[in-house]
Amino acid sequence: MAASGLGYYASFEPLGWWPAGILSIIFLILGLSPWNSPTRLSSTVSARWGMVLGFTQSLVAFLFLLPWVGEFVGKTPYLALVFALSLYGILLGGVGALILKQRWGLTGFVLFFVSVEYFRSSWPFGGFSWVRLAWGQIDGPFASLARWGGPALVTAATVGCAASLLALVWHSKRTMSVLSLSVIALATILAHSQVNNPDNTVGFRTVAAIQGNVPRMGLDFNAQRRAVLTNHVRESEKVTEPVDFMIWPENSVDVNPLRDPQSAQLVEEALQHSGVPILIGTITEDEVGDRNTMLVMDPKAGPQDFHYKKYLQPFGEYMPMRNLLRHVSKYVDLAGNFQPGTGDGVVTIAGIKLGIATCYEVAFDNAGRDAVLHGAQLLSTPTNNATFGFTNMTYQQLAMSRMRALELDRAVVVSATSGVSAMVQPDGTVSQSTRIFEANHLVAELPLRDNLTFAARYGVIVQLLMVIMGVLSGAIALFKHQFHPVSAQQKRARKKRKK
């Protein structure tokens, strides 16, 4: 199980060894499977032992995957998150072991894996979809399936490939495993053939992504008032190529320019120098409360359209159970008290519809899908990674933006305060990028698209169908375990031993 967890981690960026994700699932199934040896088909794995194995696999994977969570707030929040996420491993391992005892066990396990991933990405506090298996497949052959079913289908194909390879080697129904692999391969080829079709392009815009960098790393990166803003103004002034608009990162304007005259003056300086609209990231306040806001500023008309971040990061941008957890960690009161927005994630800038998934939002399927369904022709991921130092967080997040490009057939502009900023093409490739913790900017002519992929229209239905079938697989396995604890396979094995 430790090897499975390590493989899971290794598939994610910046290592990006996508075959390790398939190997991870192979090791997981081997550990849980009743037919994990060609000479001991009667061996069984109890549900309790499956729980231990599933928890161990998840624990190892997330311990290596998420240390950036505690980079500046200590080990306690990091370990608490890893432990909470690993509880889903108990569910996966315990019920998964029972599913694998059935004749249809491999198919049921694939669907149940998708179900567990869905629940882990949804609950509690909106879930934590950062650790979905699909993100580690961004450079693998299954990534293009995202345009048909989003990351959920990529996860299903990865687990399905692992299950089919195992069945091909050890299982009696080799014809079915060959058929499964063939279906996965054919679907992947067909999906890839549809990626980045130039006929879907309706125009182009030249965009600048500004990475101004920060004066210091850590939670107090913006403690020096207007320093982050000044950095982004100065970097914007270095753009010499003609552009249609600029995108600054989340929190790039560290003091609200709608209330602070000095900040407003600095933003105005950048607007007049560039002569084009700029999407800025700042903190605003209204009658509801504080908002994490991306605001379109026009050099002639001033403040225009805006996006309030909808999917807020629990324990960071807001603190659930603040009064209780205040006694656990001294960092609790450093968490914000932001209020979520309710918009469609689209702003109008320079005459086009721009979809926005601010930082943490990129991990949520609905953020990008809602935007393109409401007309977004281009996507952006303005983000602030300064609080996570030189960790893997920014590379993991970039992989998500790349997956969204593939899923929704849109170019994506990633603009980060401290890196990595990137220009992502609709096929998920990175055409330009910056290094981490440097002041820099990117300029690229990007295609505009107005087509809707199958995933944009029906991705939620594809996922829910797999989740429902996965839950049913688990329920049937539990029912059989409760009322028919001895499987047909075990009965046959007993008869062979008696002979």
Protein backbone atom coordinates (compact mmCIF):
# COMPACT_ATOMS: atom_id res chain seq x y z
CA MET A 1 0.00 0.00 0.00
CA ALA A 2 2.93 2.33 0.60
CA ALA A 3 4.05 1.70 -2.99
CA SER A 4 0.53 2.51 -4.19
CA GLY A 5 0.54 5.77 -2.26
CA LEU A 6 3.96 6.74 -3.59
CA GLY A 7 2.85 5.99 -7.14
CA TYR A 8 -0.22 8.15 -6.67
CA TYR A 9 1.98 11.05 -5.53
CA ALA A 10 4.56 10.56 -8.28
CA SER A 11 1.94 10.96 -11.00
CA PHE A 12 1.28 14.56 -9.92
CA GLU A 13 3.30 17.58 -10.95
CA PRO A 14 6.10 18.52 -10.77
CA LEU A 15 7.22 14.89 -11.12
CA GLY A 16 4.37 14.16 -13.53
CA TRP A 17 5.11 10.46 -14.03
CA TRP A 18 1.63 9.62 -15.28
CA PRO A 19 2.25 5.82 -15.59
CA ALA A 20 2.86 5.83 -11.83
CA GLY A 21 -0.83 6.64 -11.39
CA ILE A 22 -1.80 3.44 -13.19
CA LEU A 23 0.75 1.44 -11.20
CA SER A 24 -0.67 2.94 -8.02
CA ILE A 25 -4.11 1.54 -8.78
CA ILE A 26 -2.64 -1.82 -9.79
CA PHE A 27 -0.92 -2.08 -6.38
CA LEU A 28 -4.12 -0.96 -4.65
CA ILE A 29 -6.25 -3.61 -6.38
CA LEU A 30 -3.61 -6.27 -5.73
CA GLY A 31 -3.72 -5.47 -2.05
CA LEU A 32 -7.50 -5.59 -1.88
CA SER A 33 -8.16 -8.39 -4.36
CA PRO A 34 -9.17 -11.97 -3.46
CA TRP A 35 -7.33 -13.22 -6.53
CA ASN A 36 -4.02 -11.48 -5.90
CA SER A 37 -2.06 -14.65 -6.65
CA PRO A 38 -2.53 -16.95 -9.64
CA THR A 39 -1.96 -19.97 -7.39
CA ARG A 40 -4.12 -18.85 -4.46
CA LEU A 41 -7.46 -17.91 -5.95
CA SER A 42 -9.13 -18.76 -2.67
CA SER A 43 -7.33 -16.04 -0.71
CA THR A 44 -9.58 -13.35 0.68
CA VAL A 45 -9.24 -9.86 2.05
CA SER A 46 -11.63 -8.94 4.84
CA ALA A 47 -13.42 -5.63 4.87
CA ARG A 48 -11.56 -4.66 8.04
CA TRP A 49 -8.18 -5.40 6.53
CA GLY A 50 -9.27 -3.55 3.41
CA MET A 51 -9.99 -0.49 5.55
CA VAL A 52 -6.46 -0.60 6.94
CA LEU A 53 -4.96 -0.98 3.47
CA GLY A 54 -7.08 1.79 1.99
CA PHE A 55 -6.25 4.17 4.81
CA THR A 56 -2.53 3.39 4.50
CA GLN A 57 -2.52 4.00 0.75
CA SER A 58 -4.28 7.35 1.11
CA LEU A 59 -2.13 8.41 4.05
CA VAL A 60 1.13 7.83 2.19
CA ALA A 61 -0.17 9.52 -0.99
CA PHE A 62 -1.42 12.65 0.73
CA LEU A 63 1.50 12.99 3.12
CA PHE A 64 3.78 13.36 0.11
CA LEU A 65 1.29 15.32 -1.99
CA LEU A 66 0.20 18.06 0.41
CA PRO A 67 3.09 19.30 2.59
CA TRP A 68 2.63 22.75 1.04
CA VAL A 69 -0.48 23.14 3.19
CA GLY A 70 1.71 23.49 6.29
CA GLU A 71 4.51 25.51 4.70
CA PHE A 72 3.88 28.61 6.82
CA VAL A 73 1.15 27.52 9.25
CA GLY A 74 2.87 24.48 10.77
CA LYS A 75 2.33 20.75 10.63
CA THR A 76 -0.95 20.58 12.54
CA PRO A 77 -3.28 21.84 9.74
CA TYR A 78 -1.36 19.78 7.18
CA LEU A 79 -1.58 16.55 9.17
CA ALA A 80 -5.22 17.19 10.06
CA LEU A 81 -6.13 17.56 6.38
CA VAL A 82 -4.19 14.45 5.40
CA PHE A 83 -5.89 12.43 8.13
CA ALA A 84 -9.36 13.69 7.15
CA LEU A 85 -8.82 12.87 3.48
CA SER A 86 -7.45 9.44 4.37
CA LEU A 87 -10.73 8.56 6.07
CA TYR A 88 -12.14 8.19 2.58
CA GLY A 89 -9.44 5.59 2.02
CA ILE A 90 -11.10 3.52 4.74
CA LEU A 91 -14.32 3.59 2.73
CA LEU A 92 -12.53 2.79 -0.53
CA GLY A 93 -10.53 -0.07 0.96
CA GLY A 94 -13.25 -1.64 3.09
CA VAL A 95 -16.06 -1.64 0.54
CA GLY A 96 -13.64 -2.03 -2.36
CA ALA A 97 -12.40 -5.33 -0.93
CA LEU A 98 -15.97 -6.60 -0.85
CA ILE A 99 -16.67 -5.42 -4.39
CA LEU A 100 -13.59 -7.18 -5.74
CA LYS A 101 -14.93 -10.51 -4.45
CA GLN A 102 -17.81 -10.32 -6.94
CA ARG A 103 -17.70 -11.68 -10.49
CA TRP A 104 -18.13 -8.12 -11.75
CA GLY A 105 -15.71 -6.83 -9.12
CA LEU A 106 -13.22 -5.02 -11.34
CA THR A 107 -15.90 -3.01 -13.14
CA GLY A 108 -17.62 -2.28 -9.85
CA PHE A 109 -14.34 -1.15 -8.29
CA VAL A 110 -13.69 1.32 -11.11
CA LEU A 111 -17.09 2.92 -10.59
CA PHE A 112 -16.81 2.84 -6.80
CA PHE A 113 -13.41 4.58 -7.01
CA VAL A 114 -15.06 7.40 -8.97
CA SER A 115 -17.82 7.58 -6.35
CA VAL A 116 -15.40 7.88 -3.43
CA GLU A 117 -13.45 10.55 -5.31
CA TYR A 118 -16.69 12.45 -5.92
CA PHE A 119 -17.68 12.42 -2.25
CA ARG A 120 -14.18 13.40 -1.12
CA SER A 121 -14.34 16.31 -3.56
CA SER A 122 -17.75 17.43 -2.29
CA TRP A 123 -17.92 17.00 1.49
CA PRO A 124 -17.34 18.40 4.05
CA PHE A 125 -17.02 22.18 3.55
CA GLY A 126 -17.29 21.79 -0.22
CA GLY A 127 -14.82 18.90 -0.28
CA PHE A 128 -11.19 18.83 -1.39
CA SER A 129 -10.94 18.03 -5.08
CA TRP A 130 -7.23 18.91 -5.20
CA VAL A 131 -6.20 15.25 -4.90
CA ARG A 132 -8.23 13.73 -7.75
CA LEU A 133 -6.35 11.00 -9.59
CA ALA A 134 -7.08 12.70 -12.92
CA TRP A 135 -4.78 15.65 -12.25
CA GLY A 136 -1.77 13.33 -12.40
CA GLN A 137 -2.75 12.22 -15.91
CA ILE A 138 -2.44 15.61 -17.60
CA ASP A 139 0.47 14.41 -19.77
CA GLY A 140 -0.92 10.90 -20.17
CA PRO A 141 -3.01 9.45 -22.99
CA PHE A 142 -6.30 9.64 -21.07
CA ALA A 143 -6.24 13.41 -20.50
CA SER A 144 -8.14 14.10 -23.73
CA LEU A 145 -11.12 12.15 -22.34
CA ALA A 146 -11.76 15.20 -20.16
CA ARG A 147 -13.64 16.82 -23.05
CA TRP A 148 -16.23 14.01 -22.82
CA GLY A 149 -16.63 13.59 -19.08
CA GLY A 150 -14.31 15.96 -17.29
CA PRO A 151 -11.72 14.81 -14.75
CA ALA A 152 -14.12 12.11 -13.51
CA LEU A 153 -13.90 10.25 -16.81
CA VAL A 154 -10.10 10.59 -16.82
CA THR A 155 -10.04 9.02 -13.36
CA ALA A 156 -12.35 6.22 -14.51
CA ALA A 157 -10.16 5.48 -17.55
CA THR A 158 -7.01 5.38 -15.39
CA VAL A 159 -8.52 2.98 -12.86
CA GLY A 160 -10.12 0.99 -15.68
CA CYS A 161 -6.79 0.62 -17.44
CA ALA A 162 -5.14 -0.66 -14.27
CA ALA A 163 -7.99 -3.12 -13.64
CA SER A 164 -7.95 -4.38 -17.23
CA LEU A 165 -4.19 -4.93 -17.22
CA LEU A 166 -4.48 -6.97 -14.05
CA ALA A 167 -7.35 -9.00 -15.47
CA LEU A 168 -5.37 -9.64 -18.62
CA VAL A 169 -2.54 -11.20 -16.63
CA TRP A 170 -4.34 -13.10 -13.88
CA HIS A 171 -8.03 -13.23 -14.46
CA SER A 172 -9.83 -16.01 -16.31
CA LYS A 173 -11.93 -13.63 -18.43
CA ARG A 174 -9.11 -12.30 -20.56
CA THR A 175 -11.38 -11.57 -23.50
CA MET A 176 -13.27 -9.03 -21.41
CA SER A 177 -10.06 -7.35 -20.31
CA VAL A 178 -8.84 -7.07 -23.89
CA LEU A 179 -12.21 -5.63 -24.85
CA SER A 180 -12.05 -3.14 -21.98
CA LEU A 181 -8.57 -1.97 -22.96
CA SER A 182 -9.67 -1.68 -26.57
CA VAL A 183 -12.67 0.44 -25.63
CA ILE A 184 -10.52 2.72 -23.49
CA ALA A 185 -7.91 3.04 -26.26
CA LEU A 186 -10.53 3.73 -28.95
CA ALA A 187 -12.30 6.32 -26.79
CA THR A 188 -8.96 8.01 -26.09
CA ILE A 189 -8.03 8.14 -29.77
CA LEU A 190 -11.43 9.54 -30.74
CA ALA A 191 -11.29 12.11 -27.96
CA HIS A 192 -7.77 13.20 -28.90
CA SER A 193 -8.82 13.65 -32.52
CA GLN A 194 -11.31 16.28 -31.36
CA VAL A 195 -8.82 18.30 -29.31
CA ASN A 196 -7.97 21.88 -30.35
CA ASN A 197 -9.87 21.92 -33.62
CA PRO A 198 -8.93 25.23 -35.33
CA ASP A 199 -12.38 25.35 -36.95
CA ASN A 200 -13.76 26.23 -33.51
CA THR A 201 -11.73 29.45 -33.35
CA VAL A 202 -13.81 32.61 -33.81
CA GLY A 203 -11.08 35.17 -33.30
CA PHE A 204 -7.91 36.04 -31.43
CA ARG A 205 -6.87 38.37 -28.63
CA THR A 206 -3.38 39.31 -27.52
CA VAL A 207 -3.19 39.05 -23.75
CA ALA A 208 -0.52 39.91 -21.20
CA ALA A 209 -0.21 37.98 -17.94
CA ILE A 210 1.58 40.03 -15.29
CA GLN A 211 3.61 38.42 -12.51
CA GLY A 212 4.87 41.22 -10.30
CA ASN A 213 6.24 38.99 -7.53
CA VAL A 214 5.96 39.74 -3.82
CA PRO A 215 8.29 41.47 -1.35
CA ARG A 216 8.38 38.42 0.91
CA MET A 217 7.09 34.87 1.14
CA GLY A 218 4.66 33.63 3.74
CA LEU A 219 1.33 34.62 5.21
CA ASP A 220 2.39 38.27 5.56
CA PHE A 221 3.43 38.64 1.90
CA ASN A 222 1.25 41.76 1.59
CA ALA A 223 2.00 43.27 4.99
CA GLN A 224 4.02 46.02 3.32
CA ARG A 225 1.10 48.12 2.09
CA ARG A 226 0.89 48.64 -1.66
CA ALA A 227 4.20 46.82 -2.25
CA VAL A 228 2.59 43.99 -4.23
CA LEU A 229 0.58 46.50 -6.23
CA THR A 230 3.66 48.55 -7.00
CA ASN A 231 5.45 45.44 -8.26
CA HIS A 232 2.62 44.71 -10.69
CA VAL A 233 2.44 48.29 -11.89
CA ARG A 234 6.16 48.32 -12.62
CA GLU A 235 6.04 44.96 -14.42
CA SER A 236 3.07 46.12 -16.51
CA GLU A 237 5.11 49.10 -17.64
CA LYS A 238 7.70 46.71 -19.08
CA VAL A 239 5.20 45.32 -21.61
CA THR A 240 6.24 46.84 -24.93
CA GLU A 241 4.15 44.70 -27.27
CA PRO A 242 0.65 45.87 -28.21
CA VAL A 243 -1.94 43.90 -26.24
CA ASP A 244 -5.73 43.92 -26.02
CA PHE A 245 -5.83 43.59 -22.23
CA MET A 246 -3.82 42.50 -19.21
CA ILE A 247 -4.54 40.02 -16.45
CA TRP A 248 -3.10 40.59 -13.00
CA PRO A 249 -3.18 37.86 -10.34
CA GLU A 250 -5.44 37.33 -7.38
CA ASN A 251 -4.52 39.77 -4.56
CA SER A 252 -2.23 41.73 -6.90
CA VAL A 253 -3.77 44.99 -5.62
CA ASP A 254 -3.11 44.53 -1.94
CA VAL A 255 -5.07 47.63 -0.89
CA ASN A 256 -8.58 48.24 -2.24
CA PRO A 257 -8.27 50.91 -4.98
CA LEU A 258 -11.97 51.76 -4.68
CA ARG A 259 -11.34 53.12 -1.19
CA ASP A 260 -7.65 53.95 -1.02
CA PRO A 261 -6.57 57.00 -3.10
CA GLN A 262 -2.92 55.94 -3.31
CA SER A 263 -3.82 52.48 -4.60
CA ALA A 264 -6.25 54.02 -7.07
CA GLN A 265 -3.50 56.31 -8.33
CA LEU A 266 -1.11 53.40 -8.87
CA VAL A 267 -3.72 51.39 -10.75
CA GLU A 268 -4.53 54.44 -12.85
CA GLU A 269 -0.85 54.81 -13.65
CA ALA A 270 -0.76 51.28 -15.05
CA LEU A 271 -3.99 51.84 -17.01
CA GLN A 272 -2.79 55.03 -18.63
CA HIS A 273 0.61 53.60 -19.47
CA SER A 274 -0.85 50.49 -21.10
CA GLY A 275 -3.94 52.14 -22.57
CA VAL A 276 -5.87 48.84 -22.28
CA PRO A 277 -8.23 47.30 -19.71
CA ILE A 278 -6.66 45.39 -16.83
CA LEU A 279 -8.23 42.63 -14.78
CA ILE A 280 -6.97 43.21 -11.23
CA GLY A 281 -7.31 41.11 -8.10
CA THR A 282 -8.19 42.86 -4.85
CA ILE A 283 -10.31 42.70 -1.73
CA THR A 284 -13.58 44.62 -1.73
CA GLU A 285 -16.35 44.98 0.81
CA ASP A 286 -20.10 45.31 0.44
CA GLU A 287 -23.17 44.90 2.64
CA VAL A 288 -22.59 41.12 2.73
CA GLY A 289 -18.96 41.28 3.82
CA ASP A 290 -15.45 40.96 2.43
CA ARG A 291 -15.09 39.65 -1.12
CA ASN A 292 -12.16 38.16 -2.99
CA THR A 293 -12.69 40.16 -6.16
CA MET A 294 -11.38 40.18 -9.71
CA LEU A 295 -12.23 43.60 -11.12
CA VAL A 296 -12.10 44.89 -14.70
CA MET A 297 -10.54 48.37 -14.77
CA ASP A 298 -10.82 50.40 -17.97
CA PRO A 299 -8.43 53.30 -18.76
CA LYS A 300 -11.38 55.49 -19.82
CA ALA A 301 -14.42 54.22 -17.92
CA GLY A 302 -12.82 53.07 -14.66
CA PRO A 303 -14.26 50.08 -12.74
CA GLN A 304 -16.40 47.86 -14.93
CA ASP A 305 -17.29 44.19 -14.59
CA PHE A 306 -16.29 41.97 -11.63
CA HIS A 307 -16.18 38.40 -10.36
CA TYR A 308 -16.61 37.52 -6.70
CA LYS A 309 -14.85 34.27 -5.89
CA LYS A 310 -17.55 31.61 -5.33
CA TYR A 311 -15.60 28.58 -4.19
CA LEU A 312 -13.74 29.73 -1.10
CA GLN A 313 -10.96 27.81 0.59
CA PRO A 314 -12.08 26.59 4.03
CA PHE A 315 -9.60 27.22 6.85
CA GLY A 316 -7.94 29.87 4.69
CA GLU A 317 -10.41 32.33 3.20
CA TYR A 318 -12.97 31.47 5.83
CA MET A 319 -12.83 29.46 9.04
CA PRO A 320 -15.48 26.86 9.82
CA MET A 321 -16.08 26.42 13.55
CA ARG A 322 -13.77 29.32 14.30
CA ASN A 323 -14.60 29.55 18.02
CA LEU A 324 -13.88 25.87 18.57
CA LEU A 325 -10.73 25.62 16.48
CA ARG A 326 -9.27 28.76 18.00
CA HIS A 327 -8.28 26.56 20.95
CA VAL A 328 -6.44 24.14 18.65
CA SER A 329 -4.18 26.44 16.63
CA LYS A 330 -2.93 29.97 17.00
CA TYR A 331 -3.24 30.38 13.23
CA VAL A 332 -7.04 30.12 13.23
CA ASP A 333 -7.57 33.84 13.53
CA LEU A 334 -5.30 34.45 10.55
CA ALA A 335 -7.97 32.91 8.33
CA GLY A 336 -10.20 35.36 6.48
CA ASN A 337 -13.92 35.85 6.71
CA PHE A 338 -14.71 36.18 3.03
CA GLN A 339 -18.19 35.75 1.62
CA PRO A 340 -18.80 33.73 -1.57
CA GLY A 341 -20.11 35.24 -4.77
CA THR A 342 -23.04 33.97 -6.80
CA GLY A 343 -22.18 34.98 -10.38
CA ASP A 344 -21.52 32.91 -13.49
CA GLY A 345 -17.76 33.46 -13.50
CA VAL A 346 -17.76 35.62 -16.63
CA VAL A 347 -16.64 39.22 -17.11
CA THR A 348 -16.56 41.34 -20.24
CA ILE A 349 -13.17 42.82 -21.05
CA ALA A 350 -11.96 44.35 -24.32
CA GLY A 351 -15.18 43.23 -25.99
CA ILE A 352 -14.89 39.51 -25.17
CA LYS A 353 -16.29 37.18 -22.53
CA LEU A 354 -13.56 36.05 -20.13
CA GLY A 355 -14.18 33.17 -17.73
CA ILE A 356 -12.52 33.38 -14.32
CA ALA A 357 -11.63 30.62 -11.87
CA THR A 358 -9.78 32.38 -9.07
CA CYS A 359 -7.03 30.18 -7.61
CA TYR A 360 -8.77 27.40 -5.60
CA GLU A 361 -11.80 27.56 -7.91
CA VAL A 362 -9.95 25.86 -10.76
CA ALA A 363 -10.25 22.54 -8.92
CA PHE A 364 -14.06 22.70 -9.10
CA ASP A 365 -15.78 21.43 -12.24
CA ASN A 366 -18.67 23.90 -12.09
CA ALA A 367 -16.42 26.95 -12.11
CA GLY A 368 -15.17 26.45 -15.66
CA ARG A 369 -18.33 24.81 -17.00
CA ASP A 370 -20.60 27.60 -15.77
CA ALA A 371 -18.32 30.16 -17.40
CA VAL A 372 -18.31 28.58 -20.86
CA LEU A 373 -22.04 27.84 -20.67
CA HIS A 374 -22.50 31.58 -20.12
CA GLY A 375 -20.40 32.55 -23.12
CA ALA A 376 -16.77 32.58 -21.97
CA GLN A 377 -14.50 32.53 -25.03
CA LEU A 378 -11.27 32.48 -23.05
CA LEU A 379 -10.49 31.30 -19.50
CA SER A 380 -8.20 32.64 -16.80
CA THR A 381 -6.82 31.41 -13.49
CA PRO A 382 -5.60 34.43 -11.51
CA THR A 383 -3.90 33.01 -8.45
CA ASN A 384 -1.84 33.92 -5.42
CA ASN A 385 0.68 31.24 -4.48
CA ALA A 386 2.97 33.42 -2.37
CA THR A 387 1.75 31.85 0.87
CA PHE A 388 3.11 28.45 -0.18
CA GLY A 389 6.74 29.31 -0.91
CA PHE A 390 8.86 27.11 -3.17
CA THR A 391 6.52 24.14 -2.89
CA ASN A 392 4.77 21.92 -5.43
CA MET A 393 1.44 23.68 -4.98
CA THR A 394 1.79 26.00 -7.97
CA TYR A 395 2.76 23.14 -10.31
CA GLN A 396 -0.15 21.01 -9.16
CA GLN A 397 -2.51 23.92 -9.77
CA LEU A 398 -1.11 24.56 -13.24
CA ALA A 399 -1.94 20.94 -14.15
CA MET A 400 -5.57 21.66 -13.24
CA SER A 401 -5.67 24.70 -15.54
CA ARG A 402 -4.25 22.55 -18.32
CA MET A 403 -6.94 19.93 -17.74
CA ARG A 404 -9.63 22.64 -17.89
CA ALA A 405 -8.25 23.79 -21.24
CA LEU A 406 -8.62 20.26 -22.61
CA GLU A 407 -12.01 19.74 -21.02
CA LEU A 408 -13.59 22.98 -22.25
CA ASP A 409 -11.62 23.65 -25.46
CA ARG A 410 -10.46 27.04 -24.28
CA ALA A 411 -7.09 28.71 -23.92
CA VAL A 412 -6.30 29.53 -20.29
CA VAL A 413 -4.25 32.44 -18.93
CA VAL A 414 -2.64 31.62 -15.59
CA SER A 415 -1.50 34.77 -13.83
CA ALA A 416 0.23 34.26 -10.48
CA THR A 417 1.63 36.79 -8.02
CA SER A 418 4.85 34.82 -7.57
CA GLY A 419 4.65 32.04 -10.19
CA VAL A 420 4.19 29.93 -12.06
CA SER A 421 2.28 32.04 -14.61
CA ALA A 422 1.55 30.41 -17.94
CA MET A 423 -0.18 30.61 -21.31
CA VAL A 424 -2.09 27.37 -21.86
CA GLN A 425 -3.38 26.41 -25.29
CA PRO A 426 -6.75 24.64 -25.80
CA ASP A 427 -4.95 21.30 -26.13
CA GLY A 428 -3.50 21.69 -22.63
CA THR A 429 0.04 22.48 -23.72
CA VAL A 430 1.95 25.32 -22.08
CA SER A 431 3.29 27.68 -24.73
CA GLN A 432 4.89 30.12 -22.28
CA SER A 433 5.60 30.13 -18.56
CA THR A 434 7.53 32.02 -15.90
CA ARG A 435 9.70 30.73 -13.12
CA ILE A 436 8.62 30.82 -9.51
CA PHE A 437 9.36 33.96 -7.46
CA GLU A 438 10.49 36.22 -10.25
CA ALA A 439 9.02 39.42 -11.67
CA ASN A 440 8.07 38.74 -15.27
CA HIS A 441 5.29 38.93 -17.82
CA LEU A 442 3.97 36.85 -20.69
CA VAL A 443 2.36 38.04 -23.92
CA ALA A 444 0.55 35.73 -26.32
CA GLU A 445 -2.08 35.81 -29.06
CA LEU A 446 -4.71 33.33 -27.92
CA PRO A 447 -7.67 31.81 -29.78
CA LEU A 448 -11.24 32.62 -28.81
CA ARG A 449 -13.73 29.76 -28.85
CA ASP A 450 -17.52 29.68 -28.53
CA ASN A 451 -18.18 25.94 -29.04
CA LEU A 452 -19.35 23.75 -26.17
CA THR A 453 -17.70 20.40 -25.51
CA PHE A 454 -19.70 17.37 -24.42
CA ALA A 455 -18.21 17.75 -20.94
CA ALA A 456 -19.35 21.36 -20.71
CA ARG A 457 -22.91 20.36 -21.56
CA TYR A 458 -23.24 16.93 -19.98
CA GLY A 459 -20.14 16.30 -17.87
CA VAL A 460 -22.11 16.50 -14.64
CA ILE A 461 -24.50 13.81 -15.92
CA VAL A 462 -21.61 11.52 -16.95
CA GLN A 463 -20.09 11.85 -13.51
CA LEU A 464 -23.35 11.33 -11.63
CA LEU A 465 -24.15 8.20 -13.65
CA MET A 466 -20.77 6.71 -12.71
CA VAL A 467 -21.24 7.76 -9.08
CA ILE A 468 -24.70 6.20 -8.89
CA MET A 469 -23.46 2.95 -10.41
CA GLY A 470 -20.48 2.97 -8.06
CA VAL A 471 -22.71 3.46 -5.02
CA LEU A 472 -24.95 0.62 -6.22
CA SER A 473 -21.90 -1.61 -6.64
CA GLY A 474 -20.88 -0.92 -3.07
CA ALA A 475 -24.41 -1.45 -1.77
CA ILE A 476 -24.78 -4.81 -3.55
CA ALA A 477 -21.39 -5.98 -2.29
CA LEU A 478 -22.31 -4.99 1.27
CA PHE A 479 -25.67 -6.75 0.98
CA LYS A 480 -24.06 -9.96 -0.27
CA HIS A 481 -21.44 -9.77 2.46
CA GLN A 482 -24.13 -9.37 5.10
CA PHE A 483 -26.46 -12.12 3.93
CA HIS A 484 -24.19 -14.29 1.77
CA PRO A 485 -20.76 -14.05 3.39
CA VAL A 486 -19.35 -17.08 1.54
CA SER A 487 -18.80 -16.25 -2.13
CA ALA A 488 -19.20 -18.66 -5.01
CA GLN A 489 -15.48 -18.40 -5.64
CA GLN A 490 -14.74 -19.47 -2.08
CA LYS A 491 -17.14 -22.43 -2.40
CA ARG A 492 -15.37 -23.62 -5.54
CA ALA A 493 -12.00 -23.26 -3.84
CA ARG A 494 -13.21 -25.32 -0.87
CA LYS A 495 -14.45 -28.10 -3.16
CA LYS A 496 -11.04 -28.20 -4.88
CA ARG A 497 -9.28 -28.51 -1.52
CA LYS A 498 -11.56 -31.40 -0.49
CA LYS A 499 -10.77 -33.26 -3.70
